[in-house]
Amino acid sequence: MALTDRLKAQAAQLAQKAQEAGKAGQAKLEEVQARRRADATLRKLGAAVYAQHAGRGTDDTAAAVAQLVSELSEWESQHGPLGDGVADEPSDDTDKGD
């Protein structure tokens, strides 16, 4: 009977560990999805600001920029700072003159 009790205890431990791993995986997935949404918003913001500076902005561009900045501020309040974007991207400043 002691063997059966040990097997049941081990099965319960494995089930608990599997449940914890599932929760951790779900949390990571949600984090990645939130980051992708923020990246998409940053891309839209960059396109809108570029359009403004290139003289191709419309009457709605300024409002769109304000809305996107608001969305990103809300994201940062929930998830923390996005970063400056410069260190996140690989540099393509290779010396090709050699």
Protein backbone atom coordinates (compact mmCIF):
# COMPACT_ATOMS: atom_id res chain seq x y z
CA MET A 1 0.00 0.00 0.00
CA ALA A 2 2.86 2.36 0.63
CA LEU A 3 3.86 2.03 -3.03
CA THR A 4 0.38 3.02 -4.17
CA ASP A 5 0.40 6.03 -1.85
CA ARG A 6 3.80 7.13 -3.17
CA LEU A 7 2.63 6.76 -6.78
CA LYS A 8 -0.47 8.83 -6.04
CA ALA A 9 1.66 11.52 -4.38
CA GLN A 10 4.06 11.60 -7.33
CA ALA A 11 1.16 11.81 -9.78
CA ALA A 12 -0.30 14.72 -7.81
CA GLN A 13 3.07 16.49 -7.82
CA LEU A 14 3.45 16.00 -11.57
CA ALA A 15 -0.05 17.31 -12.18
CA GLN A 16 0.71 20.37 -10.07
CA LYS A 17 3.96 21.03 -11.94
CA ALA A 18 2.21 20.63 -15.29
CA GLN A 19 -0.48 23.09 -14.22
CA GLU A 20 2.15 25.61 -13.10
CA ALA A 21 4.03 25.22 -16.38
CA GLY A 22 0.80 25.77 -18.29
CA LYS A 23 0.10 28.97 -16.37
CA ALA A 24 3.64 30.22 -16.97
CA GLY A 25 3.34 29.44 -20.67
CA GLN A 26 0.02 31.27 -20.89
CA ALA A 27 1.49 34.31 -19.15
CA LYS A 28 4.42 34.36 -21.56
CA LEU A 29 2.07 34.07 -24.54
CA GLU A 30 -0.01 36.99 -23.30
CA GLU A 31 3.17 39.03 -22.79
CA VAL A 32 4.33 38.34 -26.35
CA GLN A 33 0.91 39.20 -27.79
CA ALA A 34 0.84 42.48 -25.85
CA ARG A 35 4.32 43.35 -27.10
CA ARG A 36 3.28 42.65 -30.70
CA ARG A 37 0.26 44.94 -30.31
CA ALA A 38 2.55 47.66 -28.95
CA ASP A 39 4.99 47.13 -31.85
CA ALA A 40 2.14 47.48 -34.35
CA THR A 41 1.01 50.68 -32.66
CA LEU A 42 4.56 52.04 -32.73
CA ARG A 43 4.77 51.27 -36.45
CA LYS A 44 1.50 53.11 -37.11
CA LEU A 45 2.76 56.04 -35.04
CA GLY A 46 6.01 56.15 -36.99
CA ALA A 47 4.16 56.10 -40.30
CA ALA A 48 1.86 58.92 -39.18
CA VAL A 49 4.73 61.08 -37.92
CA TYR A 50 6.69 60.42 -41.11
CA ALA A 51 3.67 61.45 -43.19
CA GLN A 52 3.43 64.67 -41.19
CA HIS A 53 7.10 65.51 -41.67
CA ALA A 54 7.05 64.57 -45.34
CA GLY A 55 4.13 66.92 -45.94
CA ARG A 56 1.71 64.08 -46.72
CA GLY A 57 -0.28 64.25 -43.51
CA THR A 58 -4.02 64.81 -43.65
CA ASP A 59 -6.31 66.67 -41.32
CA ASP A 60 -6.77 63.45 -39.37
CA THR A 61 -3.04 62.70 -39.00
CA ALA A 62 -2.52 64.88 -35.92
CA ALA A 63 -5.51 63.29 -34.21
CA ALA A 64 -4.24 59.83 -35.15
CA VAL A 65 -0.82 60.63 -33.66
CA ALA A 66 -2.42 61.84 -30.44
CA GLN A 67 -4.58 58.69 -30.24
CA LEU A 68 -1.61 56.37 -30.88
CA VAL A 69 0.50 58.15 -28.26
CA SER A 70 -2.38 57.77 -25.81
CA GLU A 71 -2.63 54.04 -26.56
CA LEU A 72 1.11 53.59 -26.03
CA SER A 73 1.01 55.52 -22.76
CA GLU A 74 -1.77 53.23 -21.56
CA TRP A 75 0.27 50.19 -22.64
CA GLU A 76 3.30 51.46 -20.72
CA SER A 77 1.23 52.03 -17.59
CA GLN A 78 0.20 48.36 -17.70
CA HIS A 79 3.40 46.71 -18.97
CA GLY A 80 6.27 49.10 -18.26
CA PRO A 81 8.42 51.21 -20.56
CA LEU A 82 8.74 50.22 -24.19
CA GLY A 83 12.38 51.22 -24.51
CA ASP A 84 13.93 53.76 -26.81
CA GLY A 85 13.76 51.55 -29.90
CA VAL A 86 17.36 52.31 -30.81
CA ALA A 87 18.96 49.55 -28.75
CA ASP A 88 16.21 47.08 -29.67
CA GLU A 89 17.07 46.99 -33.38
CA PRO A 90 20.33 45.66 -34.80
CA SER A 91 22.57 48.31 -36.27
CA ASP A 92 23.39 48.21 -39.97
CA ASP A 93 26.38 50.51 -39.67
CA THR A 94 28.84 48.05 -41.16
CA ASP A 95 31.87 49.46 -42.93
CA LYS A 96 31.52 48.35 -46.52
CA GLY A 97 34.47 50.31 -47.83
CA ASP A 98 37.01 47.54 -47.23
